[in-house]
């Protein structure tokens, strides 16, 4: 479904160049839940930004369902993001002037979907995530957990191909974090959502089916959960982080 092929990303001027991504390649199968880990400056957020077309690659290709996203013209990028990508951000990114129902359905509304179908789709997803009773409320009237559930609903309501999550538990307490991760697991296992999640937290990453570790802009290691329990996978994740040496303090 997603193919990242020898992607490089440079920042800076001719005499002071920083290589944020160094020939990174991997593939994501439809229905996978993948976590990306790495210390500050490892390139994980840059990689997510390139996949989401928020940033452009310096070299290499990124294909989503066979379409090379690096070749999409500027005028088509916004449409591509609305129709093909779902986003879950650390700070929710909900519009305070819209109700949760309007926030969840905003991409469908912008795409001129039939209002009745928008309402039906929004309520179906909201029911799955347990926030139907909060749909008529504004973001400032609900809890952080409900905001994040609304953000998840917005990411999946239009049947987007790929859901990108950037530190989704970063602004939540431990109880809300666990709830969100269980919701994302349900989105993955029950709805078939393909999820790519950037996180610094080993506990959060242990919910994924596969973890990619970045170091200095390169793919450092990979863990596949398989049939192992989440607890065992969590401890194996800590073992890999220990191999990153001095970077561990930035990750734990």
Protein backbone atom coordinates (compact mmCIF):
# COMPACT_ATOMS: atom_id res chain seq x y z
CA UNK A 1 0.00 0.00 0.00
CA UNK A 2 2.77 2.44 0.96
CA UNK A 3 6.26 2.24 -0.53
CA UNK A 4 9.07 4.50 0.69
CA UNK A 5 11.98 4.16 -1.72
CA UNK A 6 15.46 5.53 -0.96
CA UNK A 7 14.10 8.75 0.48
CA UNK A 8 16.54 11.52 1.34
CA UNK A 9 15.82 14.92 2.85
CA UNK A 10 18.28 17.78 3.17
CA UNK A 11 17.91 21.10 4.97
CA UNK A 12 20.11 24.17 4.92
CA UNK A 13 22.19 26.08 2.42
CA UNK A 14 24.99 24.95 0.13
CA UNK A 15 27.71 25.45 2.75
CA UNK A 16 25.72 24.12 5.72
CA UNK A 17 23.63 21.08 4.79
CA UNK A 18 21.86 18.82 7.28
CA UNK A 19 20.81 15.38 6.09
CA UNK A 20 17.57 14.65 7.95
CA UNK A 21 16.75 11.43 6.06
CA UNK A 22 19.39 9.16 4.54
CA UNK A 23 18.21 6.62 1.92
CA UNK A 24 15.26 5.28 3.91
CA UNK A 25 13.26 2.45 2.35
CA UNK A 26 10.39 0.36 3.71
CA UNK A 27 6.92 -0.86 2.76
CA UNK A 28 3.61 -0.83 4.60
CA UNK A 29 0.97 -3.45 3.86
CA UNK A 30 -2.70 -2.55 3.92
CA UNK A 31 -4.12 -3.01 7.43
CA UNK A 32 -0.80 -2.70 9.28
CA UNK A 33 -0.31 -0.65 12.44
CA UNK A 34 3.28 0.62 12.40
CA UNK A 35 5.11 2.76 14.94
CA UNK A 36 8.16 4.89 14.13
CA UNK A 37 10.56 5.58 16.99
CA UNK A 38 13.74 7.60 17.34
CA UNK A 39 15.41 10.26 19.46
CA UNK A 40 14.98 13.96 18.81
CA UNK A 41 16.64 14.72 15.49
CA UNK A 42 16.47 11.12 14.25
CA UNK A 43 14.19 12.09 11.36
CA UNK A 44 10.93 10.46 12.43
CA UNK A 45 8.76 13.59 12.17
CA UNK A 46 10.49 14.62 8.94
CA UNK A 47 9.67 11.20 7.51
CA UNK A 48 6.01 11.53 8.51
CA UNK A 49 5.88 15.02 7.00
CA UNK A 50 7.29 13.74 3.70
CA UNK A 51 4.79 10.88 3.56
CA UNK A 52 1.95 13.31 4.30
CA UNK A 53 3.19 15.73 1.56
CA UNK A 54 3.54 18.48 4.18
CA UNK A 55 7.24 18.45 3.28
CA UNK A 56 8.97 17.47 0.03
CA UNK A 57 11.70 14.87 -0.39
CA UNK A 58 15.14 15.80 -1.74
CA UNK A 59 15.52 12.42 -3.43
CA UNK A 60 13.65 9.14 -3.68
CA UNK A 61 10.00 8.23 -4.12
CA UNK A 62 6.93 7.68 -1.94
CA UNK A 63 4.09 5.67 -3.47
CA UNK A 64 0.61 5.35 -1.96
CA UNK A 65 -1.55 2.76 -3.71
CA UNK A 66 0.84 3.00 -6.65
CA UNK A 67 0.62 6.79 -6.97
CA UNK A 68 3.87 8.71 -6.55
CA UNK A 69 2.99 11.41 -4.00
CA UNK A 70 6.23 13.27 -4.74
CA UNK A 71 4.90 14.11 -8.21
CA UNK A 72 1.51 15.51 -7.15
CA UNK A 73 1.21 19.15 -8.19
CA UNK A 74 0.59 21.89 -5.67
CA UNK A 75 -2.99 22.46 -6.73
CA UNK A 76 -3.85 18.80 -6.14
CA UNK A 77 -2.08 18.33 -2.81
CA UNK A 78 -4.90 19.61 -0.58
CA UNK A 79 -7.41 17.36 -2.34
CA UNK A 80 -5.03 14.40 -2.03
CA UNK A 81 -4.65 14.95 1.73
CA UNK A 82 -8.40 15.27 2.30
CA UNK A 83 -9.32 12.18 0.32
CA UNK A 84 -6.42 9.83 0.95
CA UNK A 85 -4.89 10.72 4.32
CA UNK A 86 -6.23 10.95 7.85
CA UNK A 87 -4.35 12.87 10.55
CA UNK A 88 -4.24 12.50 14.34
CA UNK A 89 -2.20 15.23 16.01
CA UNK A 90 -0.87 15.61 19.55
CA UNK A 91 -2.86 18.82 20.07
CA UNK A 92 -6.04 17.51 18.39
CA UNK A 93 -6.24 20.34 15.77
CA UNK A 94 -9.99 20.71 16.20
CA UNK A 95 -11.65 23.99 15.23
CA UNK A 96 -13.14 25.65 18.32
CA UNK A 97 -15.91 27.34 16.32
CA UNK A 98 -17.27 24.00 15.06
CA UNK A 99 -19.07 21.27 16.98
CA UNK A 100 -17.46 17.83 17.21
CA UNK A 101 -19.87 16.63 14.53
CA UNK A 102 -18.82 19.44 12.19
CA UNK A 103 -15.13 18.86 12.97
CA UNK A 104 -15.39 15.16 12.21
CA UNK A 105 -17.19 15.71 8.91
CA UNK A 106 -15.23 18.74 7.71
CA UNK A 107 -13.27 16.92 4.98
CA UNK A 108 -16.47 15.40 3.59
CA UNK A 109 -18.16 18.80 3.65
CA UNK A 110 -15.25 20.46 1.84
CA UNK A 111 -15.48 17.71 -0.78
CA UNK A 112 -19.17 18.65 -1.30
CA UNK A 113 -20.53 15.32 -0.10
CA UNK A 114 -24.29 15.05 0.36
CA UNK A 115 -25.19 16.52 3.80
CA UNK A 116 -27.30 13.50 4.75
CA UNK A 117 -24.50 11.10 3.90
CA UNK A 118 -22.04 13.24 5.88
CA UNK A 119 -24.27 13.10 8.94
CA UNK A 120 -24.76 9.36 8.57
CA UNK A 121 -21.04 8.66 8.18
CA UNK A 122 -20.13 10.90 11.10
CA UNK A 123 -22.66 9.30 13.43
CA UNK A 124 -21.59 5.79 12.44
CA UNK A 125 -17.95 6.50 13.28
CA UNK A 126 -18.89 8.45 16.41
CA UNK A 127 -20.90 5.45 17.59
CA UNK A 128 -17.88 3.19 17.10
CA UNK A 129 -15.76 5.55 19.20
CA UNK A 130 -18.36 6.24 21.88
CA UNK A 131 -18.84 9.99 21.38
CA UNK A 132 -22.35 10.23 19.91
CA UNK A 133 -23.61 12.10 22.98
CA UNK A 134 -20.89 14.74 22.53
CA UNK A 135 -21.41 15.47 18.84
CA UNK A 136 -23.34 18.70 19.40
CA UNK A 137 -20.75 20.08 21.82
CA UNK A 138 -17.81 22.32 20.98
CA UNK A 139 -14.20 21.24 21.67
CA UNK A 140 -13.89 23.51 24.72
CA UNK A 141 -16.90 21.74 26.27
CA UNK A 142 -15.46 18.22 26.23
CA UNK A 143 -12.55 16.34 27.80
CA UNK A 144 -9.15 15.74 26.23
CA UNK A 145 -10.09 12.11 25.70
CA UNK A 146 -13.25 13.06 23.83
CA UNK A 147 -11.28 15.53 21.70
CA UNK A 148 -8.85 12.83 20.74
CA UNK A 149 -11.68 10.42 19.92
CA UNK A 150 -13.14 13.12 17.69
CA UNK A 151 -9.73 13.50 16.03
CA UNK A 152 -9.66 9.73 15.41
CA UNK A 153 -13.18 9.86 13.98
CA UNK A 154 -12.20 12.72 11.66
CA UNK A 155 -9.20 10.69 10.47
CA UNK A 156 -11.29 7.66 9.51
CA UNK A 157 -14.73 9.03 8.56
CA UNK A 158 -14.05 9.38 4.83
CA UNK A 159 -12.40 5.98 4.47
CA UNK A 160 -8.94 7.49 4.01
CA UNK A 161 -6.25 5.13 2.74
CA UNK A 162 -3.68 5.90 5.43
CA UNK A 163 -3.93 7.37 8.94
CA UNK A 164 -0.87 9.31 10.13
CA UNK A 165 -0.52 9.92 13.87
CA UNK A 166 2.12 12.29 15.26
CA UNK A 167 2.71 11.71 19.01
CA UNK A 168 -1.06 11.17 19.51
CA UNK A 169 -0.76 10.47 23.26
CA UNK A 170 1.63 13.34 23.99
CA UNK A 171 -1.02 15.63 25.50
CA UNK A 172 -2.94 12.94 27.40
CA UNK A 173 -2.69 11.45 30.88
CA UNK A 174 -1.93 7.75 31.27
CA UNK A 175 -5.59 6.68 31.46
CA UNK A 176 -6.58 8.68 28.37
CA UNK A 177 -3.46 7.48 26.53
CA UNK A 178 -4.36 3.85 27.12
CA UNK A 179 -7.92 4.51 25.99
CA UNK A 180 -6.75 6.21 22.80
CA UNK A 181 -4.30 3.42 21.97
CA UNK A 182 -7.05 0.85 22.44
CA UNK A 183 -9.29 2.90 20.14
CA UNK A 184 -6.56 3.04 17.49
CA UNK A 185 -6.05 -0.72 17.86
CA UNK A 186 -9.78 -1.18 17.32
CA UNK A 187 -9.65 1.07 14.24
CA UNK A 188 -6.87 -1.13 12.92
CA UNK A 189 -8.26 -4.55 13.79
CA UNK A 190 -12.00 -3.96 13.35
CA UNK A 191 -12.11 -1.33 10.60
CA UNK A 192 -8.96 -2.34 8.75
CA UNK A 193 -7.38 1.11 9.14
CA UNK A 194 -3.72 1.34 8.12
CA UNK A 195 -1.91 3.42 10.73
CA UNK A 196 1.56 4.96 10.78
CA UNK A 197 2.34 6.44 14.20
CA UNK A 198 5.36 8.50 15.27
CA UNK A 199 6.03 8.19 18.99
CA UNK A 200 8.87 8.52 21.50
CA UNK A 201 6.98 6.30 23.98
CA UNK A 202 7.77 2.57 24.12
CA UNK A 203 4.43 1.84 25.79
CA UNK A 204 2.53 3.45 22.92
CA UNK A 205 4.71 1.72 20.32
CA UNK A 206 3.99 -1.68 21.89
CA UNK A 207 0.41 -1.45 20.58
CA UNK A 208 1.70 -1.54 16.99
CA UNK A 209 2.27 -4.68 14.95
CA UNK A 210 5.67 -3.45 13.76
CA UNK A 211 8.15 -0.81 14.95
CA UNK A 212 10.71 1.00 12.80
CA UNK A 213 13.61 2.61 14.67
CA UNK A 214 15.41 5.61 13.18
CA UNK A 215 18.83 6.91 14.15
CA UNK A 216 20.59 9.86 12.50
CA UNK A 217 18.17 9.79 9.59
CA UNK A 218 18.65 6.10 8.84
CA UNK A 219 16.60 2.98 9.49
CA UNK A 220 18.39 1.50 12.50
CA UNK A 221 16.31 -1.56 13.35
CA UNK A 222 12.89 -3.15 13.02
CA UNK A 223 10.74 -5.21 15.38
CA UNK A 224 7.75 -7.33 14.37
CA UNK A 225 5.32 -8.26 17.13
CA UNK A 226 3.92 -11.44 15.61
CA UNK A 227 2.05 -13.57 18.14
CA UNK A 228 3.87 -12.19 21.18
CA UNK A 229 1.95 -10.38 23.89
CA UNK A 230 2.05 -6.61 24.08
CA UNK A 231 3.96 -6.84 27.37
CA UNK A 232 6.71 -8.98 25.82
CA UNK A 233 6.84 -6.69 22.78
CA UNK A 234 7.17 -3.68 25.09
CA UNK A 235 10.26 -5.13 26.80
CA UNK A 236 11.81 -6.07 23.44
CA UNK A 237 11.27 -2.45 22.37
CA UNK A 238 13.17 -1.26 25.44
CA UNK A 239 16.02 -3.62 24.53
CA UNK A 240 16.31 -2.06 21.05
CA UNK A 241 16.22 1.44 22.54
CA UNK A 242 19.12 0.44 24.76
CA UNK A 243 21.12 -0.38 21.64
CA UNK A 244 20.71 3.24 20.55
CA UNK A 245 23.13 4.13 23.32
CA UNK A 246 23.18 7.82 24.15
CA UNK A 247 19.82 8.38 22.47
CA UNK A 248 17.91 6.39 25.09
CA UNK A 249 17.51 9.35 27.45
CA UNK A 250 15.70 11.23 24.69
CA UNK A 251 13.29 8.36 24.14
CA UNK A 252 12.28 7.28 27.64
